Amino acid sequence: MIDAADQKPDHGGGIDAAIAQFGGTRAGWIDLSTGINPIPYPLGDLPADAWNALPDTGAFARLETAARCFWTIPDAAAVLPAPGASALIARMPTIALPGPVHIPAPTYNEHARAFAAQGWTSDDDAQTRVIVHPNNPDGRLWQASDLTQTTIIDESFCDVTPNATLIEHAIRPNTIILKSFGKFWGLAGLRLGFAIGDPTLIAKLAHSIGPWAVSGPALEIGTRALNDPAWATQTRTRLAADAARLDAMLNLPVVGGTTLFRLYDTTDAAALQTRLARAHIWTRIFPYSTRWLRLGLPGTPDHWARLQQALAA
């Protein structure tokens, strides 16, 4: 069995805890512990019925059409919008997948926590496998040859590298691809995610999350963003430039990452995290490595300047 006691939440954020330890106010902190795009998709004005009315089938259909076009989803694959990728991850162990499960490490432990909560066992030779593509935190990319009989492919960070997507394999039986709207579009608070793949499994997920699982504002904003490929192209260019800028500023060996977050090798990751935290800049370290430090991207000239000053202090 996957040990649930070992599966404490391991993710970015946690500014409240950082404030409790190092002081300051939330507005005064720079949160670089997440992989969220710091310059999000512009929301614009929303029609009143996005807030006032129950979402109708037309709103869901428009979002699905936009998703199919943006991600080039095969016609035979089913698409399910959901209230965030985390809500889908929590339900993966409940849709009658064959156990046990293999979740290659190191990776973020939200998947392991979900399977542990349902009493699953772990086996490196299991026919059910979960892969994070690109992986968090090292950015590893997987190949079609890595897919097993039953595969959950978490592509939460894949929109920065669209050519690497495994979306064409969403037509494989017992395959589900997860997409997150919070990372690339920078709208984590919108709580919008997608499950794409085997229609039988997607139908079980749809039954599990129930009707009207996605809010009216999320349907409207998600549809707009997915129908705006020019913004996506410009954003990928900016993220690549900012990631290179961050690498040069840190001047540490790069273990990996994506253009939304960078993973560095340092002699004492906790010490460097503390040093930056004293300047009210929050970063991320990992329970399985004393050397790895992960940073997201600063979003404003002031944030870049504060980071450089803290590193030089």
C-alpha atoms as a PDB file:
ATOM      1  CA  MET A   1       0.000   0.000   0.000  1.00  0.00           C
ATOM      2  CA  ILE A   2       1.142   3.545  -0.678  1.00  0.00           C
ATOM      3  CA  ASP A   3       1.879   4.994   2.764  1.00  0.00           C
ATOM      4  CA  ALA A   4      -0.615   7.808   3.287  1.00  0.00           C
ATOM      5  CA  ALA A   5       1.429   9.076   6.229  1.00  0.00           C
ATOM      6  CA  ASP A   6       4.292   9.851   3.852  1.00  0.00           C
ATOM      7  CA  GLN A   7       2.029  11.743   1.469  1.00  0.00           C
ATOM      8  CA  LYS A   8       1.837  15.132   3.133  1.00  0.00           C
ATOM      9  CA  PRO A   9       0.963  17.973   0.761  1.00  0.00           C
ATOM     10  CA  ASP A  10       4.067  18.946  -1.189  1.00  0.00           C
ATOM     11  CA  HIS A  11       3.398  21.941  -3.399  1.00  0.00           C
ATOM     12  CA  GLY A  12       4.102  25.614  -3.835  1.00  0.00           C
ATOM     13  CA  GLY A  13       2.334  28.447  -2.120  1.00  0.00           C
ATOM     14  CA  GLY A  14       2.023  28.593   1.643  1.00  0.00           C
ATOM     15  CA  ILE A  15       2.687  32.308   1.951  1.00  0.00           C
ATOM     16  CA  ASP A  16       0.739  32.453   5.214  1.00  0.00           C
ATOM     17  CA  ALA A  17       3.190  30.023   6.810  1.00  0.00           C
ATOM     18  CA  ALA A  18       6.131  32.001   5.410  1.00  0.00           C
ATOM     19  CA  ILE A  19       4.723  35.209   6.875  1.00  0.00           C
ATOM     20  CA  ALA A  20       4.307  33.542  10.253  1.00  0.00           C
ATOM     21  CA  GLN A  21       7.988  32.604  10.227  1.00  0.00           C
ATOM     22  CA  PHE A  22       9.617  35.583   8.514  1.00  0.00           C
ATOM     23  CA  GLY A  23       7.123  38.410   9.012  1.00  0.00           C
ATOM     24  CA  GLY A  24       5.741  40.953   6.582  1.00  0.00           C
ATOM     25  CA  THR A  25       2.368  41.171   4.891  1.00  0.00           C
ATOM     26  CA  ARG A  26       1.006  39.130   2.022  1.00  0.00           C
ATOM     27  CA  ALA A  27       1.155  42.125  -0.317  1.00  0.00           C
ATOM     28  CA  GLY A  28       4.840  42.538   0.478  1.00  0.00           C
ATOM     29  CA  TRP A  29       5.860  39.012  -0.453  1.00  0.00           C
ATOM     30  CA  ILE A  30       6.928  37.715  -3.866  1.00  0.00           C
ATOM     31  CA  ASP A  31       5.731  34.148  -4.323  1.00  0.00           C
ATOM     32  CA  LEU A  32       8.152  32.294  -6.607  1.00  0.00           C
ATOM     33  CA  SER A  33       7.279  28.911  -5.111  1.00  0.00           C
ATOM     34  CA  THR A  34       4.673  28.091  -7.760  1.00  0.00           C
ATOM     35  CA  GLY A  35       4.837  27.447 -11.493  1.00  0.00           C
ATOM     36  CA  ILE A  36       2.027  29.876 -12.276  1.00  0.00           C
ATOM     37  CA  ASN A  37       2.461  32.357 -15.098  1.00  0.00           C
ATOM     38  CA  PRO A  38       2.856  35.708 -13.273  1.00  0.00           C
ATOM     39  CA  ILE A  39       1.325  37.655 -16.177  1.00  0.00           C
ATOM     40  CA  PRO A  40      -2.067  35.980 -16.607  1.00  0.00           C
ATOM     41  CA  TYR A  41      -4.506  35.966 -19.450  1.00  0.00           C
ATOM     42  CA  PRO A  42      -6.554  39.201 -19.326  1.00  0.00           C
ATOM     43  CA  LEU A  43     -10.035  38.556 -17.997  1.00  0.00           C
ATOM     44  CA  GLY A  44     -11.987  41.364 -19.642  1.00  0.00           C
ATOM     45  CA  ASP A  45     -15.636  42.045 -18.849  1.00  0.00           C
ATOM     46  CA  LEU A  46     -17.985  39.141 -18.215  1.00  0.00           C
ATOM     47  CA  PRO A  47     -21.668  39.054 -19.136  1.00  0.00           C
ATOM     48  CA  ALA A  48     -24.054  39.099 -16.195  1.00  0.00           C
ATOM     49  CA  ASP A  49     -25.475  35.663 -16.978  1.00  0.00           C
ATOM     50  CA  ALA A  50     -22.020  34.131 -16.490  1.00  0.00           C
ATOM     51  CA  TRP A  51     -22.586  34.924 -12.819  1.00  0.00           C
ATOM     52  CA  ASN A  52     -26.339  34.778 -12.511  1.00  0.00           C
ATOM     53  CA  ALA A  53     -27.450  31.715 -14.470  1.00  0.00           C
ATOM     54  CA  LEU A  54     -26.685  28.020 -14.231  1.00  0.00           C
ATOM     55  CA  PRO A  55     -24.255  27.203 -17.058  1.00  0.00           C
ATOM     56  CA  ASP A  56     -26.147  25.857 -20.050  1.00  0.00           C
ATOM     57  CA  THR A  57     -25.133  23.113 -22.452  1.00  0.00           C
ATOM     58  CA  GLY A  58     -24.162  25.709 -25.040  1.00  0.00           C
ATOM     59  CA  ALA A  59     -21.500  27.184 -22.744  1.00  0.00           C
ATOM     60  CA  PHE A  60     -20.007  23.744 -22.140  1.00  0.00           C
ATOM     61  CA  ALA A  61     -20.144  22.950 -25.858  1.00  0.00           C
ATOM     62  CA  ARG A  62     -18.342  26.181 -26.769  1.00  0.00           C
ATOM     63  CA  LEU A  63     -15.606  25.442 -24.247  1.00  0.00           C
ATOM     64  CA  GLU A  64     -15.195  21.887 -25.535  1.00  0.00           C
ATOM     65  CA  THR A  65     -14.980  23.105 -29.139  1.00  0.00           C
ATOM     66  CA  ALA A  66     -12.312  25.638 -28.182  1.00  0.00           C
ATOM     67  CA  ALA A  67     -10.367  22.980 -26.248  1.00  0.00           C
ATOM     68  CA  ARG A  68     -10.489  20.518 -29.152  1.00  0.00           C
ATOM     69  CA  CYS A  69      -9.142  23.149 -31.514  1.00  0.00           C
ATOM     70  CA  PHE A  70      -6.423  24.512 -29.209  1.00  0.00           C
ATOM     71  CA  TRP A  71      -5.030  21.107 -28.196  1.00  0.00           C
ATOM     72  CA  THR A  72      -5.836  19.297 -31.484  1.00  0.00           C
ATOM     73  CA  ILE A  73      -7.791  16.653 -29.603  1.00  0.00           C
ATOM     74  CA  PRO A  74      -8.659  13.558 -31.678  1.00  0.00           C
ATOM     75  CA  ASP A  75     -12.351  13.259 -32.504  1.00  0.00           C
ATOM     76  CA  ALA A  76     -12.585   9.840 -30.845  1.00  0.00           C
ATOM     77  CA  ALA A  77     -11.398  11.176 -27.477  1.00  0.00           C
ATOM     78  CA  ALA A  78     -13.889  12.542 -24.959  1.00  0.00           C
ATOM     79  CA  VAL A  79     -13.407  15.911 -23.212  1.00  0.00           C
ATOM     80  CA  LEU A  80     -14.534  16.769 -19.696  1.00  0.00           C
ATOM     81  CA  PRO A  81     -14.130  20.258 -18.181  1.00  0.00           C
ATOM     82  CA  ALA A  82     -13.789  20.139 -14.404  1.00  0.00           C
ATOM     83  CA  PRO A  83     -13.249  22.467 -11.427  1.00  0.00           C
ATOM     84  CA  GLY A  84      -9.473  22.253 -11.608  1.00  0.00           C
ATOM     85  CA  ALA A  85      -6.995  19.461 -12.345  1.00  0.00           C
ATOM     86  CA  SER A  86      -6.741  18.699  -8.620  1.00  0.00           C
ATOM     87  CA  ALA A  87     -10.399  17.696  -8.519  1.00  0.00           C
ATOM     88  CA  LEU A  88      -9.728  15.226 -11.329  1.00  0.00           C
ATOM     89  CA  ILE A  89      -6.556  13.870  -9.723  1.00  0.00           C
ATOM     90  CA  ALA A  90      -8.472  13.135  -6.522  1.00  0.00           C
ATOM     91  CA  ARG A  91     -10.982  11.049  -8.488  1.00  0.00           C
ATOM     92  CA  MET A  92      -8.554   9.020 -10.598  1.00  0.00           C
ATOM     93  CA  PRO A  93      -8.332   6.126  -8.104  1.00  0.00           C
ATOM     94  CA  THR A  94     -12.139   5.816  -7.970  1.00  0.00           C
ATOM     95  CA  ILE A  95     -12.973   5.055 -11.618  1.00  0.00           C
ATOM     96  CA  ALA A  96     -12.221   1.321 -11.618  1.00  0.00           C
ATOM     97  CA  LEU A  97      -8.684   1.408 -12.965  1.00  0.00           C
ATOM     98  CA  PRO A  98      -6.738  -1.841 -12.531  1.00  0.00           C
ATOM     99  CA  GLY A  99      -4.402  -1.793  -9.515  1.00  0.00           C
ATOM    100  CA  PRO A 100      -1.702  -1.489  -8.365  1.00  0.00           C
ATOM    101  CA  VAL A 101      -0.241   1.784  -9.659  1.00  0.00           C
ATOM    102  CA  HIS A 102       3.223   3.012 -10.645  1.00  0.00           C
ATOM    103  CA  ILE A 103       4.029   6.720 -10.216  1.00  0.00           C
ATOM    104  CA  PRO A 104       7.659   7.286 -11.292  1.00  0.00           C
ATOM    105  CA  ALA A 105       9.585   9.454  -8.839  1.00  0.00           C
ATOM    106  CA  PRO A 106      10.625  12.094  -8.176  1.00  0.00           C
ATOM    107  CA  THR A 107       7.489  14.017  -8.948  1.00  0.00           C
ATOM    108  CA  TYR A 108       4.978  16.094  -7.044  1.00  0.00           C
ATOM    109  CA  ASN A 109       2.976  13.899  -4.730  1.00  0.00           C
ATOM    110  CA  GLU A 110      -0.628  14.903  -5.352  1.00  0.00           C
ATOM    111  CA  HIS A 111      -1.215  11.778  -7.426  1.00  0.00           C
ATOM    112  CA  ALA A 112       0.340   9.518  -4.783  1.00  0.00           C
ATOM    113  CA  ARG A 113      -1.766  11.148  -2.072  1.00  0.00           C
ATOM    114  CA  ALA A 114      -4.933  10.483  -4.065  1.00  0.00           C
ATOM    115  CA  PHE A 115      -4.128   6.806  -4.574  1.00  0.00           C
ATOM    116  CA  ALA A 116      -2.965   6.410  -0.963  1.00  0.00           C
ATOM    117  CA  ALA A 117      -6.282   7.801   0.254  1.00  0.00           C
ATOM    118  CA  GLN A 118      -8.052   4.972  -1.600  1.00  0.00           C
ATOM    119  CA  GLY A 119      -5.731   2.271  -0.254  1.00  0.00           C
ATOM    120  CA  TRP A 120      -3.884   1.518  -3.480  1.00  0.00           C
ATOM    121  CA  THR A 121      -0.590  -0.358  -3.538  1.00  0.00           C
ATOM    122  CA  SER A 122       2.446   0.647  -5.582  1.00  0.00           C
ATOM    123  CA  ASP A 123       4.390  -1.560  -7.977  1.00  0.00           C
ATOM    124  CA  ASP A 124       6.998  -0.530 -10.548  1.00  0.00           C
ATOM    125  CA  ASP A 125       5.607  -3.161 -12.927  1.00  0.00           C
ATOM    126  CA  ALA A 126       1.971  -2.130 -12.527  1.00  0.00           C
ATOM    127  CA  GLN A 127      -0.139  -1.858 -15.657  1.00  0.00           C
ATOM    128  CA  THR A 128      -1.623   1.413 -14.364  1.00  0.00           C
ATOM    129  CA  ARG A 129       0.873   4.253 -14.527  1.00  0.00           C
ATOM    130  CA  VAL A 130       0.786   7.980 -13.782  1.00  0.00           C
ATOM    131  CA  ILE A 131       3.288  10.198 -15.590  1.00  0.00           C
ATOM    132  CA  VAL A 132       3.667  13.953 -15.205  1.00  0.00           C
ATOM    133  CA  HIS A 133       4.621  15.421 -18.586  1.00  0.00           C
ATOM    134  CA  PRO A 134       6.650  17.628 -18.348  1.00  0.00           C
ATOM    135  CA  ASN A 135       7.542  16.369 -14.914  1.00  0.00           C
ATOM    136  CA  ASN A 136       7.397  18.583 -11.864  1.00  0.00           C
ATOM    137  CA  PRO A 137      10.010  19.554 -10.707  1.00  0.00           C
ATOM    138  CA  ASP A 138      12.701  18.401 -13.165  1.00  0.00           C
ATOM    139  CA  GLY A 139      10.838  18.949 -16.445  1.00  0.00           C
ATOM    140  CA  ARG A 140      11.376  15.423 -17.762  1.00  0.00           C
ATOM    141  CA  LEU A 141       9.500  14.710 -20.976  1.00  0.00           C
ATOM    142  CA  TRP A 142       8.025  11.259 -21.557  1.00  0.00           C
ATOM    143  CA  GLN A 143       7.585   9.383 -24.821  1.00  0.00           C
ATOM    144  CA  ALA A 144       4.845   7.236 -26.316  1.00  0.00           C
ATOM    145  CA  SER A 145       6.976   4.194 -25.516  1.00  0.00           C
ATOM    146  CA  ASP A 146       6.577   5.012 -21.810  1.00  0.00           C
ATOM    147  CA  LEU A 147       2.806   4.515 -21.902  1.00  0.00           C
ATOM    148  CA  THR A 148       1.392   1.370 -20.320  1.00  0.00           C
ATOM    149  CA  GLN A 149      -1.883  -0.485 -20.676  1.00  0.00           C
ATOM    150  CA  THR A 150      -3.545   2.130 -18.480  1.00  0.00           C
ATOM    151  CA  THR A 151      -1.920   5.556 -18.295  1.00  0.00           C
ATOM    152  CA  ILE A 152      -2.826   8.843 -16.673  1.00  0.00           C
ATOM    153  CA  ILE A 153      -0.796  11.602 -18.325  1.00  0.00           C
ATOM    154  CA  ASP A 154      -0.678  14.842 -16.351  1.00  0.00           C
ATOM    155  CA  GLU A 155       0.044  17.617 -18.861  1.00  0.00           C
ATOM    156  CA  SER A 156      -0.538  20.496 -16.443  1.00  0.00           C
ATOM    157  CA  PHE A 157       2.670  22.202 -17.617  1.00  0.00           C
ATOM    158  CA  CYS A 158       2.726  21.012 -21.239  1.00  0.00           C
ATOM    159  CA  ASP A 159       1.254  24.149 -22.788  1.00  0.00           C
ATOM    160  CA  VAL A 160       4.673  25.805 -22.702  1.00  0.00           C
ATOM    161  CA  THR A 161       5.974  22.993 -24.937  1.00  0.00           C
ATOM    162  CA  PRO A 162       2.998  22.153 -27.161  1.00  0.00           C
ATOM    163  CA  ASN A 163       5.073  20.101 -29.600  1.00  0.00           C
ATOM    164  CA  ALA A 164       5.803  17.620 -26.792  1.00  0.00           C
ATOM    165  CA  THR A 165       2.152  16.840 -26.038  1.00  0.00           C
ATOM    166  CA  LEU A 166       0.994  13.223 -26.091  1.00  0.00           C
ATOM    167  CA  ILE A 167      -2.553  14.288 -26.956  1.00  0.00           C
ATOM    168  CA  GLU A 168      -2.671  12.071 -30.058  1.00  0.00           C
ATOM    169  CA  HIS A 169      -2.605   9.099 -27.675  1.00  0.00           C
ATOM    170  CA  ALA A 170      -5.820  10.201 -25.987  1.00  0.00           C
ATOM    171  CA  ILE A 171      -7.611   7.715 -28.265  1.00  0.00           C
ATOM    172  CA  ARG A 172      -5.855   4.773 -26.595  1.00  0.00           C
ATOM    173  CA  PRO A 173      -8.123   2.645 -24.397  1.00  0.00           C
ATOM    174  CA  ASN A 174      -7.710   3.307 -20.672  1.00  0.00           C
ATOM    175  CA  THR A 175      -5.807   6.545 -21.252  1.00  0.00           C
ATOM    176  CA  ILE A 176      -6.589   9.925 -19.700  1.00  0.00           C
ATOM    177  CA  ILE A 177      -4.720  13.178 -20.267  1.00  0.00           C
ATOM    178  CA  LEU A 178      -5.135  15.948 -17.696  1.00  0.00           C
ATOM    179  CA  LYS A 179      -4.845  19.639 -18.514  1.00  0.00           C
ATOM    180  CA  SER A 180      -4.649  22.518 -16.054  1.00  0.00           C
ATOM    181  CA  PHE A 181      -5.765  26.062 -16.748  1.00  0.00           C
ATOM    182  CA  GLY A 182      -3.986  27.573 -13.776  1.00  0.00           C
ATOM    183  CA  LYS A 183      -0.377  27.270 -14.899  1.00  0.00           C
ATOM    184  CA  PHE A 184       0.177  28.543 -18.456  1.00  0.00           C
ATOM    185  CA  TRP A 185      -2.741  30.989 -18.407  1.00  0.00           C
ATOM    186  CA  GLY A 186      -1.888  32.128 -14.871  1.00  0.00           C
ATOM    187  CA  LEU A 187      -5.462  31.719 -13.647  1.00  0.00           C
ATOM    188  CA  ALA A 188      -5.121  29.221 -10.796  1.00  0.00           C
ATOM    189  CA  GLY A 189      -8.011  30.815  -8.919  1.00  0.00           C
ATOM    190  CA  LEU A 190     -10.356  30.122 -11.829  1.00  0.00           C
ATOM    191  CA  ARG A 191     -10.274  26.400 -10.945  1.00  0.00           C
ATOM    192  CA  LEU A 192     -10.570  24.971 -14.428  1.00  0.00           C
ATOM    193  CA  GLY A 193      -9.095  21.723 -15.669  1.00  0.00           C
ATOM    194  CA  PHE A 194      -9.781  19.085 -18.313  1.00  0.00           C
ATOM    195  CA  ALA A 195      -9.758  15.306 -18.574  1.00  0.00           C
ATOM    196  CA  ILE A 196      -9.312  14.057 -22.145  1.00  0.00           C
ATOM    197  CA  GLY A 197      -9.294  10.471 -23.319  1.00  0.00           C
ATOM    198  CA  ASP A 198     -11.099   7.126 -23.191  1.00  0.00           C
ATOM    199  CA  PRO A 199     -14.842   7.916 -23.404  1.00  0.00           C
ATOM    200  CA  THR A 200     -15.733   5.150 -20.923  1.00  0.00           C
ATOM    201  CA  LEU A 201     -13.412   6.504 -18.245  1.00  0.00           C
ATOM    202  CA  ILE A 202     -14.361  10.118 -18.981  1.00  0.00           C
ATOM    203  CA  ALA A 203     -18.038   9.198 -18.537  1.00  0.00           C
ATOM    204  CA  LYS A 204     -17.246   7.769 -15.089  1.00  0.00           C
ATOM    205  CA  LEU A 205     -15.455  10.983 -14.169  1.00  0.00           C
ATOM    206  CA  ALA A 206     -18.374  13.078 -15.424  1.00  0.00           C
ATOM    207  CA  HIS A 207     -20.758  11.097 -13.240  1.00  0.00           C
ATOM    208  CA  SER A 208     -18.427  11.545 -10.276  1.00  0.00           C
ATOM    209  CA  ILE A 209     -18.132  15.340 -10.473  1.00  0.00           C
ATOM    210  CA  GLY A 210     -21.818  15.883 -11.228  1.00  0.00           C
ATOM    211  CA  PRO A 211     -23.609  18.585 -13.239  1.00  0.00           C
ATOM    212  CA  TRP A 212     -22.555  22.240 -13.387  1.00  0.00           C
ATOM    213  CA  ALA A 213     -19.111  21.407 -12.018  1.00  0.00           C
ATOM    214  CA  VAL A 214     -17.550  24.360 -13.843  1.00  0.00           C
ATOM    215  CA  SER A 215     -18.658  27.893 -13.011  1.00  0.00           C
ATOM    216  CA  GLY A 216     -20.118  30.274 -15.577  1.00  0.00           C
ATOM    217  CA  PRO A 217     -17.151  32.684 -15.357  1.00  0.00           C
ATOM    218  CA  ALA A 218     -14.700  29.792 -15.825  1.00  0.00           C
ATOM    219  CA  LEU A 219     -16.575  28.594 -18.916  1.00  0.00           C
ATOM    220  CA  GLU A 220     -16.555  32.091 -20.419  1.00  0.00           C
ATOM    221  CA  ILE A 221     -12.926  32.920 -19.639  1.00  0.00           C
ATOM    222  CA  GLY A 222     -11.672  29.469 -20.603  1.00  0.00           C
ATOM    223  CA  THR A 223     -13.404  29.663 -23.976  1.00  0.00           C
ATOM    224  CA  ARG A 224     -11.947  33.101 -24.687  1.00  0.00           C
ATOM    225  CA  ALA A 225      -8.429  32.047 -23.763  1.00  0.00           C
ATOM    226  CA  LEU A 226      -8.468  28.819 -25.761  1.00  0.00           C
ATOM    227  CA  ASN A 227      -9.727  30.784 -28.769  1.00  0.00           C
ATOM    228  CA  ASP A 228      -6.757  33.182 -28.515  1.00  0.00           C
ATOM    229  CA  PRO A 229      -3.737  31.345 -29.989  1.00  0.00           C
ATOM    230  CA  ALA A 230      -1.904  34.626 -30.627  1.00  0.00           C
ATOM    231  CA  TRP A 231      -1.746  35.287 -26.873  1.00  0.00           C
ATOM    232  CA  ALA A 232      -0.441  31.764 -26.322  1.00  0.00           C
ATOM    233  CA  THR A 233       2.315  32.189 -28.904  1.00  0.00           C
ATOM    234  CA  GLN A 234       3.427  35.549 -27.506  1.00  0.00           C
ATOM    235  CA  THR A 235       3.357  34.172 -23.972  1.00  0.00           C
ATOM    236  CA  ARG A 236       5.582  31.208 -24.837  1.00  0.00           C
ATOM    237  CA  THR A 237       8.148  33.603 -26.304  1.00  0.00           C
ATOM    238  CA  ARG A 238       8.087  35.792 -23.193  1.00  0.00           C
ATOM    239  CA  LEU A 239       8.315  32.846 -20.806  1.00  0.00           C
ATOM    240  CA  ALA A 240      11.332  31.443 -22.635  1.00  0.00           C
ATOM    241  CA  ALA A 241      13.131  34.791 -22.414  1.00  0.00           C
ATOM    242  CA  ASP A 242      12.286  35.200 -18.734  1.00  0.00           C
ATOM    243  CA  ALA A 243      13.404  31.661 -17.903  1.00  0.00           C
ATOM    244  CA  ALA A 244      16.769  32.349 -19.536  1.00  0.00           C
ATOM    245  CA  ARG A 245      17.010  35.608 -17.591  1.00  0.00           C
ATOM    246  CA  LEU A 246      16.318  33.777 -14.332  1.00  0.00           C
ATOM    247  CA  ASP A 247      18.990  31.163 -15.097  1.00  0.00           C
ATOM    248  CA  ALA A 248      21.534  33.908 -15.669  1.00  0.00           C
ATOM    249  CA  MET A 249      20.534  35.705 -12.459  1.00  0.00           C
ATOM    250  CA  LEU A 250      20.758  32.609 -10.245  1.00  0.00           C
ATOM    251  CA  ASN A 251      24.021  31.471 -11.841  1.00  0.00           C
ATOM    252  CA  LEU A 252      23.557  27.955 -10.460  1.00  0.00           C
ATOM    253  CA  PRO A 253      23.605  24.589 -12.235  1.00  0.00           C
ATOM    254  CA  VAL A 254      20.200  23.983 -13.841  1.00  0.00           C
ATOM    255  CA  VAL A 255      18.764  20.562 -13.020  1.00  0.00           C
ATOM    256  CA  GLY A 256      15.776  21.103 -15.289  1.00  0.00           C
ATOM    257  CA  GLY A 257      12.294  22.536 -15.234  1.00  0.00           C
ATOM    258  CA  THR A 258      10.103  24.294 -17.780  1.00  0.00           C
ATOM    259  CA  THR A 259       9.831  27.915 -18.816  1.00  0.00           C
ATOM    260  CA  LEU A 260       7.310  28.380 -15.988  1.00  0.00           C
ATOM    261  CA  PHE A 261       9.685  27.167 -13.268  1.00  0.00           C
ATOM    262  CA  ARG A 262      13.389  26.429 -12.986  1.00  0.00           C
ATOM    263  CA  LEU A 263      15.090  23.797 -10.819  1.00  0.00           C
ATOM    264  CA  TYR A 264      18.589  24.575  -9.527  1.00  0.00           C
ATOM    265  CA  ASP A 265      21.285  22.588  -7.775  1.00  0.00           C
ATOM    266  CA  THR A 266      22.749  24.344  -4.748  1.00  0.00           C
ATOM    267  CA  THR A 267      24.882  23.075  -1.882  1.00  0.00           C
ATOM    268  CA  ASP A 268      22.187  23.892   0.686  1.00  0.00           C
ATOM    269  CA  ALA A 269      18.727  24.538  -0.720  1.00  0.00           C
ATOM    270  CA  ALA A 270      17.132  25.228   2.669  1.00  0.00           C
ATOM    271  CA  ALA A 271      19.738  27.856   3.501  1.00  0.00           C
ATOM    272  CA  LEU A 272      19.200  29.670   0.201  1.00  0.00           C
ATOM    273  CA  GLN A 273      15.428  29.477   0.652  1.00  0.00           C
ATOM    274  CA  THR A 274      15.800  31.051   4.103  1.00  0.00           C
ATOM    275  CA  ARG A 275      18.101  33.753   2.776  1.00  0.00           C
ATOM    276  CA  LEU A 276      15.562  34.761   0.151  1.00  0.00           C
ATOM    277  CA  ALA A 277      12.678  34.450   2.608  1.00  0.00           C
ATOM    278  CA  ARG A 278      14.300  37.056   4.829  1.00  0.00           C
ATOM    279  CA  ALA A 279      13.851  39.378   1.831  1.00  0.00           C
ATOM    280  CA  HIS A 280      10.215  38.181   1.636  1.00  0.00           C
ATOM    281  CA  ILE A 281      10.760  36.106  -1.492  1.00  0.00           C
ATOM    282  CA  TRP A 282       9.322  32.602  -1.225  1.00  0.00           C
ATOM    283  CA  THR A 283      10.787  29.654  -3.127  1.00  0.00           C
ATOM    284  CA  ARG A 284      10.338  25.900  -3.033  1.00  0.00           C
ATOM    285  CA  ILE A 285      12.470  23.091  -1.663  1.00  0.00           C
ATOM    286  CA  PHE A 286      11.764  19.352  -1.624  1.00  0.00           C
ATOM    287  CA  PRO A 287      11.642  16.691   1.084  1.00  0.00           C
ATOM    288  CA  TYR A 288      13.645  14.259  -1.055  1.00  0.00           C
ATOM    289  CA  SER A 289      16.589  16.559  -1.889  1.00  0.00           C
ATOM    290  CA  THR A 290      18.742  18.866   0.215  1.00  0.00           C
ATOM    291  CA  ARG A 291      20.186  20.464  -2.923  1.00  0.00           C
ATOM    292  CA  TRP A 292      17.216  21.280  -5.165  1.00  0.00           C
ATOM    293  CA  LEU A 293      15.657  24.750  -5.159  1.00  0.00           C
ATOM    294  CA  ARG A 294      12.791  25.626  -7.507  1.00  0.00           C
ATOM    295  CA  LEU A 295      11.827  29.141  -8.553  1.00  0.00           C
ATOM    296  CA  GLY A 296       8.980  30.448 -10.632  1.00  0.00           C
ATOM    297  CA  LEU A 297       9.270  33.623 -12.672  1.00  0.00           C
ATOM    298  CA  PRO A 298       9.049  37.170 -11.298  1.00  0.00           C
ATOM    299  CA  GLY A 299       6.243  39.087 -12.939  1.00  0.00           C
ATOM    300  CA  THR A 300       7.143  42.775 -12.639  1.00  0.00           C
ATOM    301  CA  PRO A 301      10.318  44.903 -12.955  1.00  0.00           C
ATOM    302  CA  ASP A 302      10.168  45.512  -9.202  1.00  0.00           C
ATOM    303  CA  HIS A 303      10.056  41.782  -8.474  1.00  0.00           C
ATOM    304  CA  TRP A 304      13.031  41.134 -10.730  1.00  0.00           C
ATOM    305  CA  ALA A 305      14.971  43.917  -9.026  1.00  0.00           C
ATOM    306  CA  ARG A 306      14.124  42.650  -5.540  1.00  0.00           C
ATOM    307  CA  LEU A 307      15.235  39.143  -6.428  1.00  0.00           C
ATOM    308  CA  GLN A 308      18.540  40.362  -7.826  1.00  0.00           C
ATOM    309  CA  GLN A 309      19.132  42.502  -4.751  1.00  0.00           C
ATOM    310  CA  ALA A 310      18.370  39.585  -2.411  1.00  0.00           C
ATOM    311  CA  LEU A 311      20.732  37.286  -4.291  1.00  0.00           C
ATOM    312  CA  ALA A 312      23.508  39.886  -4.177  1.00  0.00           C
ATOM    313  CA  ALA A 313      23.063  40.728  -0.485  1.00  0.00           C
END
